[in-house]
Protein backbone atom coordinates (compact mmCIF):
# COMPACT_ATOMS: atom_id res chain seq x y z
CA UNK A 1 -52.85 68.97 108.33
CA UNK A 2 -54.23 65.68 107.49
CA UNK A 3 -52.82 62.48 108.80
CA UNK A 4 -51.02 60.54 106.05
CA UNK A 5 -52.15 57.32 107.54
CA UNK A 6 -55.63 58.40 106.67
CA UNK A 7 -54.85 58.31 102.78
CA UNK A 8 -56.57 55.48 100.98
CA UNK A 9 -54.23 52.84 99.33
CA UNK A 10 -56.30 52.42 96.12
CA UNK A 11 -54.82 55.34 94.13
CA UNK A 12 -51.31 54.14 94.80
CA UNK A 13 -52.12 50.69 93.53
CA UNK A 14 -53.77 52.17 90.47
CA UNK A 15 -50.73 54.29 89.75
CA UNK A 16 -48.50 51.27 90.12
CA UNK A 17 -50.74 49.30 87.74
CA UNK A 18 -50.70 52.13 85.23
CA UNK A 19 -46.93 52.28 85.34
CA UNK A 20 -46.76 48.53 84.75
CA UNK A 21 -49.20 48.85 81.88
CA UNK A 22 -47.19 51.68 80.35
CA UNK A 23 -44.06 49.55 80.65
CA UNK A 24 -45.81 46.63 78.98
CA UNK A 25 -47.05 48.90 76.18
CA UNK A 26 -43.58 50.26 75.69
CA UNK A 27 -42.23 46.69 75.52
CA UNK A 28 -44.99 45.72 73.11
CA UNK A 29 -44.18 48.69 70.90
CA UNK A 30 -40.50 47.71 70.94
CA UNK A 31 -41.41 44.14 70.01
CA UNK A 32 -43.63 45.44 67.23
CA UNK A 33 -40.82 47.55 65.85
CA UNK A 34 -38.47 44.58 65.96
CA UNK A 35 -41.11 42.45 64.23
CA UNK A 36 -41.60 45.10 61.57
CA UNK A 37 -37.83 45.27 61.06
CA UNK A 38 -37.64 41.49 60.73
CA UNK A 39 -40.54 41.63 58.28
CA UNK A 40 -38.80 44.26 56.19
CA UNK A 41 -35.61 42.22 56.23
CA UNK A 42 -37.54 39.10 55.29
CA UNK A 43 -39.28 40.90 52.45
CA UNK A 44 -35.98 42.34 51.22
CA UNK A 45 -34.42 38.87 51.36
CA UNK A 46 -37.42 37.41 49.56
CA UNK A 47 -37.26 40.04 46.81
CA UNK A 48 -33.53 39.50 46.52
CA UNK A 49 -33.98 35.76 46.20
CA UNK A 50 -36.85 36.32 43.79
CA UNK A 51 -34.69 38.57 41.61
CA UNK A 52 -31.86 36.04 41.81
CA UNK A 53 -34.18 33.18 40.84
CA UNK A 54 -35.59 35.25 38.00
CA UNK A 55 -32.04 36.03 36.88
CA UNK A 56 -31.26 32.32 36.89
CA UNK A 57 -34.38 31.62 34.84
CA UNK A 58 -33.71 34.38 32.34
CA UNK A 59 -30.02 33.63 31.85
CA UNK A 60 -30.51 29.88 31.59
CA UNK A 61 -30.10 28.53 28.03
CA UNK A 62 -32.78 25.94 28.84
CA UNK A 63 -36.36 26.61 27.75
CA UNK A 64 -38.55 26.85 30.88
CA UNK A 65 -42.34 27.14 31.12
CA UNK A 66 -44.88 26.92 33.95
CA UNK A 67 -48.37 25.73 32.98
CA UNK A 68 -51.46 25.56 35.18
CA UNK A 69 -53.55 22.42 35.39
CA UNK A 70 -56.14 24.31 33.36
CA UNK A 71 -53.64 24.51 30.47
CA UNK A 72 -53.04 28.24 30.88
CA UNK A 73 -49.51 29.60 30.55
CA UNK A 74 -48.24 31.03 33.85
CA UNK A 75 -44.65 31.90 33.04
CA UNK A 76 -41.84 31.50 30.48
CA UNK A 77 -38.19 32.33 30.89
CA UNK A 78 -36.44 34.71 28.50
CA UNK A 79 -34.83 31.94 26.45
CA UNK A 80 -38.23 30.46 25.59
CA UNK A 81 -39.74 33.90 24.99
CA UNK A 82 -36.92 34.66 22.53
CA UNK A 83 -37.49 31.41 20.67
CA UNK A 84 -41.24 31.93 20.44
CA UNK A 85 -40.86 35.66 19.69
CA UNK A 86 -43.30 36.76 22.44
CA UNK A 87 -43.13 39.06 25.47
CA UNK A 88 -44.09 38.13 29.04
CA UNK A 89 -47.23 40.17 28.82
CA UNK A 90 -48.34 38.39 25.64
CA UNK A 91 -48.02 34.85 26.96
CA UNK A 92 -49.53 35.13 30.46
CA UNK A 93 -52.90 33.35 30.63
CA UNK A 94 -52.75 32.00 27.05
CA UNK A 95 -53.80 28.47 26.17
CA UNK A 96 -50.40 26.78 25.89
CA UNK A 97 -51.33 23.90 23.59
CA UNK A 98 -53.29 25.93 21.05
CA UNK A 99 -50.94 28.91 21.06
CA UNK A 100 -47.45 27.46 21.08
CA UNK A 101 -47.62 23.76 20.11
CA UNK A 102 -47.67 22.56 16.49
CA UNK A 103 -51.09 21.22 15.55
CA UNK A 104 -49.85 17.71 14.76
CA UNK A 105 -48.41 17.32 18.30
CA UNK A 106 -51.28 18.80 20.35
CA UNK A 107 -53.21 15.56 20.85
CA UNK A 108 -50.18 13.62 22.02
CA UNK A 109 -49.04 16.42 24.35
CA UNK A 110 -52.54 16.76 25.87
CA UNK A 111 -52.29 13.09 26.93
CA UNK A 112 -48.87 13.78 28.46
CA UNK A 113 -50.32 16.72 30.43
CA UNK A 114 -53.05 14.49 31.83
CA UNK A 115 -50.50 11.89 32.90
CA UNK A 116 -48.45 14.56 34.69
CA UNK A 117 -51.54 15.88 36.50
CA UNK A 118 -52.96 12.46 37.35
CA UNK A 119 -49.81 10.61 38.38
CA UNK A 120 -47.65 13.52 39.47
CA UNK A 121 -44.53 11.87 38.09
CA UNK A 122 -41.76 13.33 36.00
CA UNK A 123 -42.03 12.77 32.24
CA UNK A 124 -39.78 13.16 29.21
CA UNK A 125 -41.20 13.82 25.77
CA UNK A 126 -40.49 15.58 22.50
CA UNK A 127 -42.82 17.90 20.65
CA UNK A 128 -42.67 20.77 18.20
CA UNK A 129 -43.36 24.33 19.25
CA UNK A 130 -44.24 27.16 16.87
CA UNK A 131 -43.01 30.75 17.07
CA UNK A 132 -45.06 33.85 16.35
CA UNK A 133 -43.52 34.06 12.85
CA UNK A 134 -44.30 30.40 12.14
CA UNK A 135 -40.86 28.85 12.72
CA UNK A 136 -40.95 25.36 14.18
CA UNK A 137 -38.57 23.94 16.78
CA UNK A 138 -38.28 20.41 18.08
CA UNK A 139 -37.87 20.44 21.87
CA UNK A 140 -37.07 17.66 24.35
CA UNK A 141 -39.11 18.44 27.53
CA UNK A 142 -38.65 17.24 31.11
CA UNK A 143 -41.95 17.84 32.96
CA UNK A 144 -42.73 17.78 36.70
CA UNK A 145 -45.62 18.92 38.91
CA UNK A 146 -44.95 21.63 41.54
CA UNK A 147 -46.50 21.58 45.04
CA UNK A 148 -47.65 24.81 46.70
CA UNK A 149 -49.01 24.55 50.25
CA UNK A 150 -49.35 20.80 49.86
CA UNK A 151 -51.34 20.94 46.62
CA UNK A 152 -50.17 20.45 43.04
CA UNK A 153 -51.76 23.10 40.88
CA UNK A 154 -49.25 23.63 38.07
CA UNK A 155 -46.33 21.90 36.43
CA UNK A 156 -43.04 23.04 34.99
CA UNK A 157 -41.37 21.97 31.78
CA UNK A 158 -37.63 22.36 31.17
CA UNK A 159 -36.73 21.91 27.52
CA UNK A 160 -33.74 21.69 25.17
CA UNK A 161 -33.90 22.70 21.52
CA UNK A 162 -32.92 19.49 19.70
CA UNK A 163 -33.85 20.66 16.20
CA UNK A 164 -30.31 20.71 14.86
CA UNK A 165 -29.39 17.52 16.70
CA UNK A 166 -32.32 15.64 15.21
CA UNK A 167 -31.59 17.06 11.76
CA UNK A 168 -27.99 15.93 12.16
CA UNK A 169 -29.14 12.49 13.30
CA UNK A 170 -31.48 12.21 10.31
CA UNK A 171 -28.71 13.34 7.95
CA UNK A 172 -26.30 10.91 9.61
CA UNK A 173 -28.78 8.08 9.27
CA UNK A 174 -29.29 8.88 5.60
CA UNK A 175 -25.53 9.08 5.16
CA UNK A 176 -25.09 5.73 6.90
CA UNK A 177 -27.80 4.20 4.72
CA UNK A 178 -26.16 5.68 1.65
CA UNK A 179 -22.74 4.39 2.74
CA UNK A 180 -24.23 1.00 3.50
CA UNK A 181 -25.82 0.92 0.04
CA UNK A 182 -22.51 1.90 -1.56
CA UNK A 183 -20.69 -0.63 0.62
CA UNK A 184 -23.05 -3.45 -0.27
CA UNK A 185 -23.41 -2.67 -3.99
CA UNK A 186 -19.95 -1.37 -4.93
CA UNK A 187 -18.20 -3.13 -7.80
CA UNK A 188 -14.84 -2.67 -6.05
CA UNK A 189 -13.96 -4.62 -2.96
CA UNK A 190 -14.11 -2.61 0.28
CA UNK A 191 -12.31 -3.77 3.41
CA UNK A 192 -11.32 -2.86 6.96
CA UNK A 193 -8.38 -4.67 8.52
CA UNK A 194 -7.16 -4.46 12.12
CA UNK A 195 -3.48 -3.97 12.88
CA UNK A 196 -3.10 -7.68 13.69
CA UNK A 197 -4.33 -8.57 10.19
CA UNK A 198 -7.83 -9.61 11.21
CA UNK A 199 -10.57 -8.51 8.80
CA UNK A 200 -13.09 -6.29 10.58
CA UNK A 201 -15.41 -6.04 7.58
CA UNK A 202 -15.52 -6.80 3.86
CA UNK A 203 -18.26 -6.04 1.36
CA UNK A 204 -19.83 -8.63 -0.97
CA UNK A 205 -17.61 -7.54 -3.88
CA UNK A 206 -14.47 -8.15 -1.83
CA UNK A 207 -15.69 -11.63 -0.96
CA UNK A 208 -16.63 -12.32 -4.60
CA UNK A 209 -13.20 -11.18 -5.85
CA UNK A 210 -11.60 -13.77 -3.58
CA UNK A 211 -14.05 -16.48 -4.59
CA UNK A 212 -16.18 -16.59 -1.43
CA UNK A 213 -19.96 -16.88 -1.51
CA UNK A 214 -20.55 -14.04 0.93
CA UNK A 215 -18.81 -11.57 3.19
CA UNK A 216 -19.69 -13.75 6.18
CA UNK A 217 -18.09 -16.76 4.46
CA UNK A 218 -14.85 -14.84 3.92
CA UNK A 219 -14.76 -13.37 7.44
CA UNK A 220 -15.29 -16.76 9.03
CA UNK A 221 -12.63 -18.44 6.85
CA UNK A 222 -9.80 -15.91 6.73
CA UNK A 223 -8.24 -15.27 10.14
CA UNK A 224 -5.54 -12.93 8.82
CA UNK A 225 -5.14 -10.86 5.66
CA UNK A 226 -1.64 -12.30 5.38
CA UNK A 227 -3.16 -15.62 4.27
CA UNK A 228 -4.23 -14.05 0.99
CA UNK A 229 -0.83 -12.75 -0.19
CA UNK A 230 1.12 -14.88 -2.66
CA UNK A 231 4.30 -13.10 -1.57
CA UNK A 232 4.28 -12.30 2.16
CA UNK A 233 6.84 -9.53 1.67
CA UNK A 234 4.26 -7.56 -0.34
CA UNK A 235 2.09 -7.23 2.79
CA UNK A 236 5.12 -6.00 4.73
CA UNK A 237 5.75 -3.38 2.02
CA UNK A 238 2.10 -2.29 2.16
CA UNK A 239 2.12 -1.94 5.96
CA UNK A 240 5.37 0.07 5.79
CA UNK A 241 3.76 2.44 3.28
CA UNK A 242 0.71 2.89 5.52
CA UNK A 243 2.99 3.62 8.47
CA UNK A 244 5.18 6.11 6.58
CA UNK A 245 2.66 7.83 4.30
CA UNK A 246 -0.70 7.16 5.93
CA UNK A 247 -2.24 6.62 2.50
CA UNK A 248 -1.52 4.29 -0.43
CA UNK A 249 -2.54 4.53 -4.09
CA UNK A 250 -2.48 1.78 -6.73
CA UNK A 251 -0.48 -0.78 -4.75
CA UNK A 252 -0.50 -3.92 -6.90
CA UNK A 253 0.20 -7.43 -5.63
CA UNK A 254 -0.85 -11.03 -6.22
CA UNK A 255 -3.43 -12.72 -3.99
CA UNK A 256 -4.93 -16.17 -3.60
CA UNK A 257 -8.59 -16.92 -4.29
CA UNK A 258 -10.50 -19.48 -2.26
CA UNK A 259 -9.93 -22.10 -4.99
CA UNK A 260 -6.17 -21.43 -4.99
CA UNK A 261 -6.15 -19.41 -8.21
CA UNK A 262 -3.86 -16.37 -8.25
CA UNK A 263 -5.23 -12.92 -9.03
CA UNK A 264 -3.83 -9.39 -9.23
CA UNK A 265 -5.38 -6.67 -7.06
CA UNK A 266 -4.79 -2.92 -7.04
CA UNK A 267 -5.23 -1.48 -3.53
CA UNK A 268 -6.06 2.07 -2.47
CA UNK A 269 -6.41 2.78 1.24
CA UNK A 270 -5.50 4.75 4.33
CA UNK A 271 -4.21 4.05 7.79
CA UNK A 272 -6.72 4.36 10.65
CA UNK A 273 -5.15 6.01 13.69
CA UNK A 274 -6.28 6.91 17.22
CA UNK A 275 -6.04 10.40 18.73
CA UNK A 276 -2.47 9.69 19.83
CA UNK A 277 -1.43 8.84 16.29
CA UNK A 278 -1.13 5.09 16.85
CA UNK A 279 -2.13 2.94 13.89
CA UNK A 280 -5.21 0.84 14.62
CA UNK A 281 -5.46 -0.74 11.18
CA UNK A 282 -6.24 0.26 7.63
CA UNK A 283 -9.20 0.45 5.28
CA UNK A 284 -9.63 0.88 1.58
CA UNK A 285 -10.73 -0.53 -1.75
CA UNK A 286 -9.48 -3.37 -3.92
CA UNK A 287 -9.88 -3.67 -7.69
CA UNK A 288 -9.31 -6.91 -9.59
CA UNK A 289 -6.78 -6.01 -12.32
CA UNK A 290 -5.93 -9.58 -13.32
CA UNK A 291 -7.16 -9.14 -16.91
CA UNK A 292 -5.14 -5.95 -17.35
CA UNK A 293 -2.01 -7.47 -15.83
CA UNK A 294 -2.35 -10.55 -18.05
CA UNK A 295 -2.89 -8.33 -21.10
CA UNK A 296 0.17 -6.27 -20.13
CA UNK A 297 2.19 -9.44 -19.79
CA UNK A 298 1.03 -10.70 -23.19
CA UNK A 299 1.79 -7.32 -24.70
CA UNK A 300 5.21 -7.31 -23.08
CA UNK A 301 5.91 -10.78 -24.43
CA UNK A 302 4.59 -9.74 -27.84
CA UNK A 303 6.74 -6.61 -27.83
CA UNK A 304 9.73 -8.69 -26.80
CA UNK A 305 9.13 -11.13 -29.65
CA UNK A 306 8.61 -8.23 -32.07
CA UNK A 307 11.74 -6.48 -30.78
CA UNK A 308 13.74 -9.67 -31.17
CA UNK A 309 12.41 -10.19 -34.71
CA UNK A 310 13.22 -6.58 -35.61
CA UNK A 311 16.66 -6.58 -34.03
CA UNK A 312 17.72 -9.77 -35.80
CA UNK A 313 15.94 -9.09 -39.09
CA UNK A 314 17.90 -9.54 -42.35
CA UNK A 315 16.52 -6.16 -43.42
CA UNK A 316 17.33 -2.81 -41.94
CA UNK A 317 14.40 -1.32 -40.02
CA UNK A 318 13.78 2.32 -39.15
CA UNK A 319 11.04 4.44 -37.64
CA UNK A 320 10.73 8.01 -38.89
CA UNK A 321 8.68 10.85 -37.47
CA UNK A 322 8.88 14.42 -38.72
CA UNK A 323 11.57 13.43 -41.20
CA UNK A 324 13.92 12.25 -38.44
CA UNK A 325 15.04 8.78 -37.40
CA UNK A 326 13.60 7.73 -34.02
CA UNK A 327 14.55 4.04 -34.16
CA UNK A 328 17.00 1.91 -36.16
CA UNK A 329 17.94 -1.75 -35.80
CA UNK A 330 21.39 -3.32 -36.04
CA UNK A 331 21.02 -4.30 -39.71
CA UNK A 332 20.22 -0.67 -40.60
CA UNK A 333 23.51 0.38 -39.00
CA UNK A 334 25.40 -2.30 -40.96
CA UNK A 335 23.84 -1.29 -44.28
CA UNK A 336 24.74 2.37 -43.87
CA UNK A 337 28.11 1.88 -42.15
CA UNK A 338 27.29 3.17 -38.65
CA UNK A 339 28.55 1.59 -35.44
CA UNK A 340 26.10 2.96 -32.86
CA UNK A 341 22.40 3.83 -33.02
CA UNK A 342 23.20 7.18 -31.39
CA UNK A 343 25.04 8.19 -34.57
CA UNK A 344 21.79 8.05 -36.53
CA UNK A 345 18.96 8.70 -34.05
CA UNK A 346 17.51 12.19 -34.18
CA UNK A 347 19.16 12.84 -37.56
CA UNK A 348 17.37 13.55 -40.84
CA UNK A 349 16.66 10.58 -43.08
CA UNK A 350 18.71 12.46 -45.69
CA UNK A 351 21.98 11.25 -44.12
CA UNK A 352 21.41 7.81 -45.69
CA UNK A 353 20.23 9.01 -49.14
CA UNK A 354 22.49 9.92 -52.06
CA UNK A 355 22.06 13.52 -53.23
CA UNK A 356 20.76 12.23 -56.58
CA UNK A 357 17.65 10.73 -54.90
CA UNK A 358 17.46 12.68 -51.62
CA UNK A 359 14.79 15.17 -52.66
CA UNK A 360 12.29 12.62 -53.99
CA UNK A 361 12.65 10.30 -50.97
CA UNK A 362 12.17 13.16 -48.47
CA UNK A 363 9.12 14.43 -50.39
CA UNK A 364 7.52 11.00 -50.43
CA UNK A 365 8.08 10.56 -46.70
CA UNK A 366 6.53 14.00 -46.00
CA UNK A 367 3.48 13.14 -48.11
CA UNK A 368 3.05 9.86 -46.23
CA UNK A 369 3.19 11.60 -42.84
CA UNK A 370 0.71 14.16 -44.17
CA UNK A 371 -1.85 11.45 -44.93
CA UNK A 372 -1.21 11.01 -48.67
CA UNK A 373 -0.39 7.68 -50.30
CA UNK A 374 2.85 7.85 -52.33
CA UNK A 375 4.42 4.57 -53.52
CA UNK A 376 5.12 2.31 -50.56
CA UNK A 377 7.80 0.23 -52.31
CA UNK A 378 10.58 1.69 -54.48
CA UNK A 379 14.33 1.80 -54.97
CA UNK A 380 16.81 4.61 -54.42
CA UNK A 381 20.51 5.26 -54.31
CA UNK A 382 21.75 5.39 -50.73
CA UNK A 383 24.98 6.58 -49.20
CA UNK A 384 27.01 5.03 -46.43
CA UNK A 385 28.72 6.92 -43.62
CA UNK A 386 32.06 6.67 -45.48
CA UNK A 387 30.47 8.12 -48.65
CA UNK A 388 30.27 4.88 -50.67
CA UNK A 389 27.12 4.23 -52.68
CA UNK A 390 24.65 1.53 -51.71
CA UNK A 391 21.47 0.67 -53.58
CA UNK A 392 18.37 0.25 -51.42
CA UNK A 393 14.90 -1.20 -51.91
CA UNK A 394 12.45 0.01 -49.28
CA UNK A 395 8.94 -0.95 -48.16
CA UNK A 396 7.08 1.60 -46.00
CA UNK A 397 3.93 1.73 -43.89
CA UNK A 398 2.33 4.27 -41.55
CA UNK A 399 1.92 3.04 -37.95
CA UNK A 400 1.12 4.46 -34.50
CA UNK A 401 4.14 4.56 -32.23
CA UNK A 402 3.75 5.78 -28.62
CA UNK A 403 0.41 7.31 -29.51
CA UNK A 404 1.59 9.25 -32.56
CA UNK A 405 1.89 8.39 -36.28
CA UNK A 406 5.28 7.31 -37.63
CA UNK A 407 6.69 5.72 -40.78
CA UNK A 408 7.97 2.16 -40.49
CA UNK A 409 10.51 1.35 -43.23
CA UNK A 410 12.26 -1.87 -44.18
CA UNK A 411 15.61 -1.32 -45.95
CA UNK A 412 17.05 -4.06 -48.18
CA UNK A 413 20.57 -3.75 -49.59
CA UNK A 414 20.27 -4.57 -53.33
CA UNK A 415 23.72 -3.34 -54.30
CA UNK A 416 24.90 -6.79 -55.42
CA UNK A 417 21.73 -7.30 -57.42
CA UNK A 418 22.15 -3.93 -59.10
CA UNK A 419 25.77 -4.72 -59.93
CA UNK A 420 24.72 -8.09 -61.36
CA UNK A 421 21.98 -6.47 -63.42
CA UNK A 422 24.49 -3.97 -64.81
CA UNK A 423 26.89 -6.79 -65.62
CA UNK A 424 24.15 -8.79 -67.36
CA UNK A 425 23.14 -5.77 -69.34
CA UNK A 426 26.72 -5.21 -70.40
CA UNK A 427 27.04 -8.86 -71.48
CA UNK A 428 23.80 -8.63 -73.45
CA UNK A 429 25.04 -5.76 -75.66
CA UNK A 430 28.73 -6.72 -76.17
CA UNK A 431 30.58 -9.56 -77.85
CA UNK A 432 31.95 -12.02 -75.37
CA UNK A 433 35.27 -12.45 -77.20
CA UNK A 434 36.04 -8.93 -78.44
CA UNK A 435 34.14 -6.87 -75.90
CA UNK A 436 32.76 -4.70 -78.73
CA UNK A 437 29.11 -3.88 -79.20
CA UNK A 438 27.15 -6.66 -80.84
CA UNK A 439 24.11 -6.15 -83.06
CA UNK A 440 21.86 -5.59 -80.03
CA UNK A 441 24.35 -3.17 -78.55
CA UNK A 442 24.56 -1.19 -81.76
CA UNK A 443 20.77 -1.11 -81.97
CA UNK A 444 20.42 0.19 -78.39
CA UNK A 445 23.22 2.71 -78.97
CA UNK A 446 21.60 3.96 -82.15
CA UNK A 447 18.27 4.35 -80.39
CA UNK A 448 19.93 6.38 -77.69
CA UNK A 449 21.70 8.60 -80.20
CA UNK A 450 18.46 9.12 -82.15
CA UNK A 451 16.67 10.26 -79.00
CA UNK A 452 19.56 12.60 -78.20
CA UNK A 453 19.50 14.02 -81.69
CA UNK A 454 15.74 14.70 -81.47
CA UNK A 455 16.26 16.61 -78.22
CA UNK A 456 18.88 18.84 -79.75
CA UNK A 457 16.87 19.71 -82.87
């Protein structure tokens, strides 16, 4: 048996070193596995974040594009792809300017690209992009370079489609220009008045109506609309109407001109309110109706004079339409024995005509209303309300009354004249002392009998 003290120590040390090495390898393998696990987790997190970022890009309503410094398209989000009508595969690597930008904007946008690359600062610009089908959109872009590993090698643009907004702005500008043209050139006065009575604006016509040289002259002179009213209570009435109704049509009142002359204006306007319904003021249009009001006044005075002359005329006066009385004056009532106009109005003209002459008078009146020209002056036998006979001489004319034709007739009572004529005739054919026929009477009587005899033969 060998002595153990005689064994060499080297193999033991080697074994110990091998065990240590194996332990280190096992630890290294464990570290490697942990590192691989961390790498997998990191990759999973990266892919998750990448998918999330892509989701944000694709669900964003903004138009987003990434462009390399060489002008090649790197990426577009789904919103921009939808607008341009392309797929991701179709746009990658394309020349952005020549493919997607309208020709008239390419030169300007190329300069913007160079500024972004050279200065690295954010920019804002507008340009038109063109879809695959040829549709054009106006886009407001916000551009910025992007650094990767310390170097800027592409930039990103985030855009908003402002096509409709710009179209609306253009339409609004045209509308404002049109309104301004109407405002400046309108024949009617146009005004805006604050609640406290201060004029906010007036057009040249409004100033001219009030005798001022310009709108500026009127605005600088008049501190309150109340200064212009002849009757201050009229302004109070107008404000009450604005407050109650919100809108006013054809409100007429008298106003002062700059020279002190008084004019009539017809106002149409509306109350201006805030979102809470509080009145801020009113605006509207003013028309100078002074000539019409003066003409109406003259007509009213003329009608009053005519009415007075008719009412107090020595002749009876009537208006007839459709064979019925539509107006009679007081003298007419006296001639025919009526007390009130209501007793005659609406009745046939036949109520005042004796049956002996009724037919011929009614026929002549019908012919006149039909446009014919029967005798305008003649006599007939009339009849009073109590049945007594009255002899009438009439003069007629066709006039327009309340927009329709009517017959104006003057009635003169000639009963006394007729009675006198009959008396004179009787005197001329009888002897004054005996009352018997004289030679002239016998001659007339014989002539009458001869005519009667001829009829009977």
